[in-house]
């Protein structure tokens, strides 16, 4: 079956016209129609689509202070911002917001001592055992970083610094062995 040139042109015109239709204006009762001074409709609609914690949502100014429960043998302590400040911290940026990032290896050896190694990380979904071979592998780094909600996430980074998938969200506890 072959289409005549006139049919092809008509179909192309119809498809192009239907794809280029501009969106309907926001109804008067929509949140975009009731903007505060200085807020554009585009930004109001865009912000409405984002959930707290997604990568385009701004940092939460009311996020809780940095705090992490750490068990070293039978000793349980809480690492606060002051504790984290003793280890090397890296700042990375994403969409204009920076994140604080630490190597778990550096945290463990700086705050606990030489030979210290993380054996488990606990957060959303319960504890995850730390892979001993991964901990010893110099080509990858276990990373702990802050989120926009003020929580911590645990991920692995490769030798080039590229992060893998999140291993543990909302980290609340780590266990360290010497």
Protein backbone atom coordinates (compact mmCIF):
# COMPACT_ATOMS: atom_id res chain seq x y z
CA UNK A 1 0.00 0.00 0.00
CA UNK A 2 1.37 3.40 -0.92
CA UNK A 3 0.14 6.75 0.25
CA UNK A 4 -0.38 9.57 -2.15
CA UNK A 5 1.77 12.66 -1.58
CA UNK A 6 -1.29 14.76 -0.72
CA UNK A 7 -2.27 12.31 2.06
CA UNK A 8 1.27 12.28 3.47
CA UNK A 9 1.36 16.09 3.54
CA UNK A 10 -2.07 16.28 5.19
CA UNK A 11 -1.10 13.72 7.85
CA UNK A 12 2.18 15.50 8.56
CA UNK A 13 0.37 18.83 8.89
CA UNK A 14 -2.27 17.36 11.23
CA UNK A 15 0.32 15.67 13.45
CA UNK A 16 2.48 18.80 13.59
CA UNK A 17 -0.49 20.98 14.50
CA UNK A 18 -1.62 18.63 17.26
CA UNK A 19 1.88 18.48 18.77
CA UNK A 20 2.35 22.24 18.79
CA UNK A 21 -0.81 23.07 20.69
CA UNK A 22 -0.01 25.36 23.61
CA UNK A 23 -1.13 24.24 27.08
CA UNK A 24 -4.40 25.54 28.42
CA UNK A 25 -4.03 28.47 30.81
CA UNK A 26 -4.31 27.63 34.50
CA UNK A 27 -7.86 27.91 35.83
CA UNK A 28 -8.45 30.80 38.24
CA UNK A 29 -8.80 28.38 41.17
CA UNK A 30 -5.42 26.67 40.59
CA UNK A 31 -2.40 27.42 42.82
CA UNK A 32 -0.51 28.78 39.78
CA UNK A 33 -3.21 31.40 39.25
CA UNK A 34 -2.92 32.66 42.84
CA UNK A 35 0.75 33.61 42.89
CA UNK A 36 2.54 35.71 45.44
CA UNK A 37 4.25 38.85 44.12
CA UNK A 38 7.52 38.02 42.36
CA UNK A 39 6.63 34.37 41.72
CA UNK A 40 6.07 33.32 38.14
CA UNK A 41 3.56 30.75 37.04
CA UNK A 42 6.33 28.54 35.66
CA UNK A 43 8.21 28.42 38.95
CA UNK A 44 5.06 27.79 40.97
CA UNK A 45 4.07 24.88 38.75
CA UNK A 46 7.61 23.53 38.71
CA UNK A 47 7.93 23.63 42.49
CA UNK A 48 4.55 21.93 42.90
CA UNK A 49 5.79 18.91 40.92
CA UNK A 50 8.77 18.22 43.18
CA UNK A 51 8.60 16.15 46.31
CA UNK A 52 10.76 16.93 49.33
CA UNK A 53 14.01 15.05 48.95
CA UNK A 54 14.05 14.88 45.17
CA UNK A 55 17.16 16.22 43.48
CA UNK A 56 15.57 19.51 42.39
CA UNK A 57 14.00 20.38 45.73
CA UNK A 58 15.89 23.07 47.68
CA UNK A 59 17.76 22.31 50.90
CA UNK A 60 15.50 22.16 53.94
CA UNK A 61 16.49 25.13 56.15
CA UNK A 62 14.83 23.42 59.13
CA UNK A 63 16.71 20.13 58.69
CA UNK A 64 17.79 18.53 61.97
CA UNK A 65 21.43 18.93 63.00
CA UNK A 66 23.86 16.30 61.78
CA UNK A 67 23.84 13.32 64.14
CA UNK A 68 24.81 9.67 63.75
CA UNK A 69 24.81 6.86 66.32
CA UNK A 70 28.06 4.89 66.15
CA UNK A 71 28.73 1.57 67.88
CA UNK A 72 32.38 0.62 68.35
CA UNK A 73 32.26 -2.74 70.05
CA UNK A 74 30.08 -2.24 73.15
CA UNK A 75 30.75 1.52 73.22
CA UNK A 76 27.94 3.57 71.66
CA UNK A 77 28.52 7.23 70.86
CA UNK A 78 26.87 9.94 68.80
CA UNK A 79 28.82 11.71 66.09
CA UNK A 80 27.65 15.29 65.63
CA UNK A 81 28.78 18.02 63.25
CA UNK A 82 31.81 18.63 65.49
CA UNK A 83 32.82 14.97 65.11
CA UNK A 84 32.35 15.04 61.33
CA UNK A 85 34.39 18.27 61.12
CA UNK A 86 37.46 16.36 62.39
CA UNK A 87 37.56 14.23 59.22
CA UNK A 88 38.21 15.35 55.67
CA UNK A 89 35.00 16.69 54.17
CA UNK A 90 34.31 17.25 50.51
CA UNK A 91 31.68 19.64 49.18
CA UNK A 92 29.97 18.71 45.96
CA UNK A 93 27.34 20.68 44.14
CA UNK A 94 24.13 19.61 42.51
CA UNK A 95 21.60 22.03 41.07
CA UNK A 96 23.14 24.90 43.02
CA UNK A 97 23.06 23.18 46.41
CA UNK A 98 26.13 21.71 48.01
CA UNK A 99 26.33 18.44 49.89
CA UNK A 100 28.78 17.47 52.57
CA UNK A 101 30.52 14.23 51.67
CA UNK A 102 32.84 12.03 53.71
CA UNK A 103 34.73 8.85 53.00
CA UNK A 104 33.58 6.28 55.56
CA UNK A 105 37.17 4.98 55.63
CA UNK A 106 38.47 8.42 56.62
CA UNK A 107 35.72 8.88 59.21
CA UNK A 108 36.43 5.49 60.80
CA UNK A 109 40.21 5.87 60.93
CA UNK A 110 40.10 9.53 62.02
CA UNK A 111 37.42 9.20 64.69
CA UNK A 112 38.05 5.65 65.92
CA UNK A 113 41.66 4.87 65.01
CA UNK A 114 43.89 2.97 62.59
CA UNK A 115 42.49 -0.39 61.56
CA UNK A 116 38.89 0.67 62.25
CA UNK A 117 36.43 -0.51 59.64
CA UNK A 118 32.68 -0.19 59.22
CA UNK A 119 30.90 -3.55 59.45
CA UNK A 120 27.29 -2.40 59.01
CA UNK A 121 25.24 0.66 58.09
CA UNK A 122 21.66 1.01 59.35
CA UNK A 123 18.94 3.20 57.92
CA UNK A 124 15.75 2.84 55.91
CA UNK A 125 15.19 -0.88 55.40
CA UNK A 126 17.32 -2.00 58.36
CA UNK A 127 21.02 -2.80 58.65
CA UNK A 128 23.20 -3.59 55.63
CA UNK A 129 26.44 -5.45 56.19
CA UNK A 130 29.52 -3.75 54.81
CA UNK A 131 31.28 -5.84 52.21
CA UNK A 132 34.76 -6.57 53.70
CA UNK A 133 36.27 -6.97 50.23
CA UNK A 134 34.75 -3.64 49.18
CA UNK A 135 36.06 -1.94 52.31
CA UNK A 136 39.59 -3.11 51.45
CA UNK A 137 39.30 -2.33 47.70
CA UNK A 138 41.33 0.83 46.92
CA UNK A 139 39.48 1.32 43.61
CA UNK A 140 36.20 2.21 45.33
CA UNK A 141 35.25 4.35 48.29
CA UNK A 142 32.34 4.01 50.72
CA UNK A 143 30.72 7.46 50.88
CA UNK A 144 28.43 9.07 53.46
CA UNK A 145 26.74 12.27 52.30
CA UNK A 146 24.10 14.70 53.49
CA UNK A 147 20.75 15.04 51.74
CA UNK A 148 18.49 18.06 51.24
CA UNK A 149 16.34 16.77 54.12
CA UNK A 150 19.31 16.80 56.49
CA UNK A 151 19.67 13.01 56.58
CA UNK A 152 22.62 10.86 55.51
CA UNK A 153 22.97 8.41 52.62
CA UNK A 154 25.54 5.68 52.04
CA UNK A 155 26.82 5.00 48.50
CA UNK A 156 29.94 3.60 46.83
CA UNK A 157 32.09 5.73 44.52
CA UNK A 158 34.45 4.27 41.92
CA UNK A 159 38.07 5.33 41.34
CA UNK A 160 36.91 8.23 39.12
CA UNK A 161 34.57 9.49 41.85
CA UNK A 162 31.36 8.40 40.11
CA UNK A 163 28.70 7.40 42.58
CA UNK A 164 26.76 4.18 42.31
CA UNK A 165 23.21 3.57 43.46
CA UNK A 166 22.29 4.47 47.03
CA UNK A 167 22.93 1.51 49.33
CA UNK A 168 21.25 2.90 52.47
CA UNK A 169 18.94 5.91 52.75
CA UNK A 170 18.36 7.84 55.98
CA UNK A 171 21.42 6.40 57.73
CA UNK A 172 20.94 6.48 61.52
CA UNK A 173 23.65 4.11 62.81
CA UNK A 174 26.93 2.54 61.82
CA UNK A 175 28.85 -0.26 63.52
CA UNK A 176 32.63 -0.20 63.51
CA UNK A 177 35.13 -2.92 64.39
CA UNK A 178 38.79 -2.43 65.24
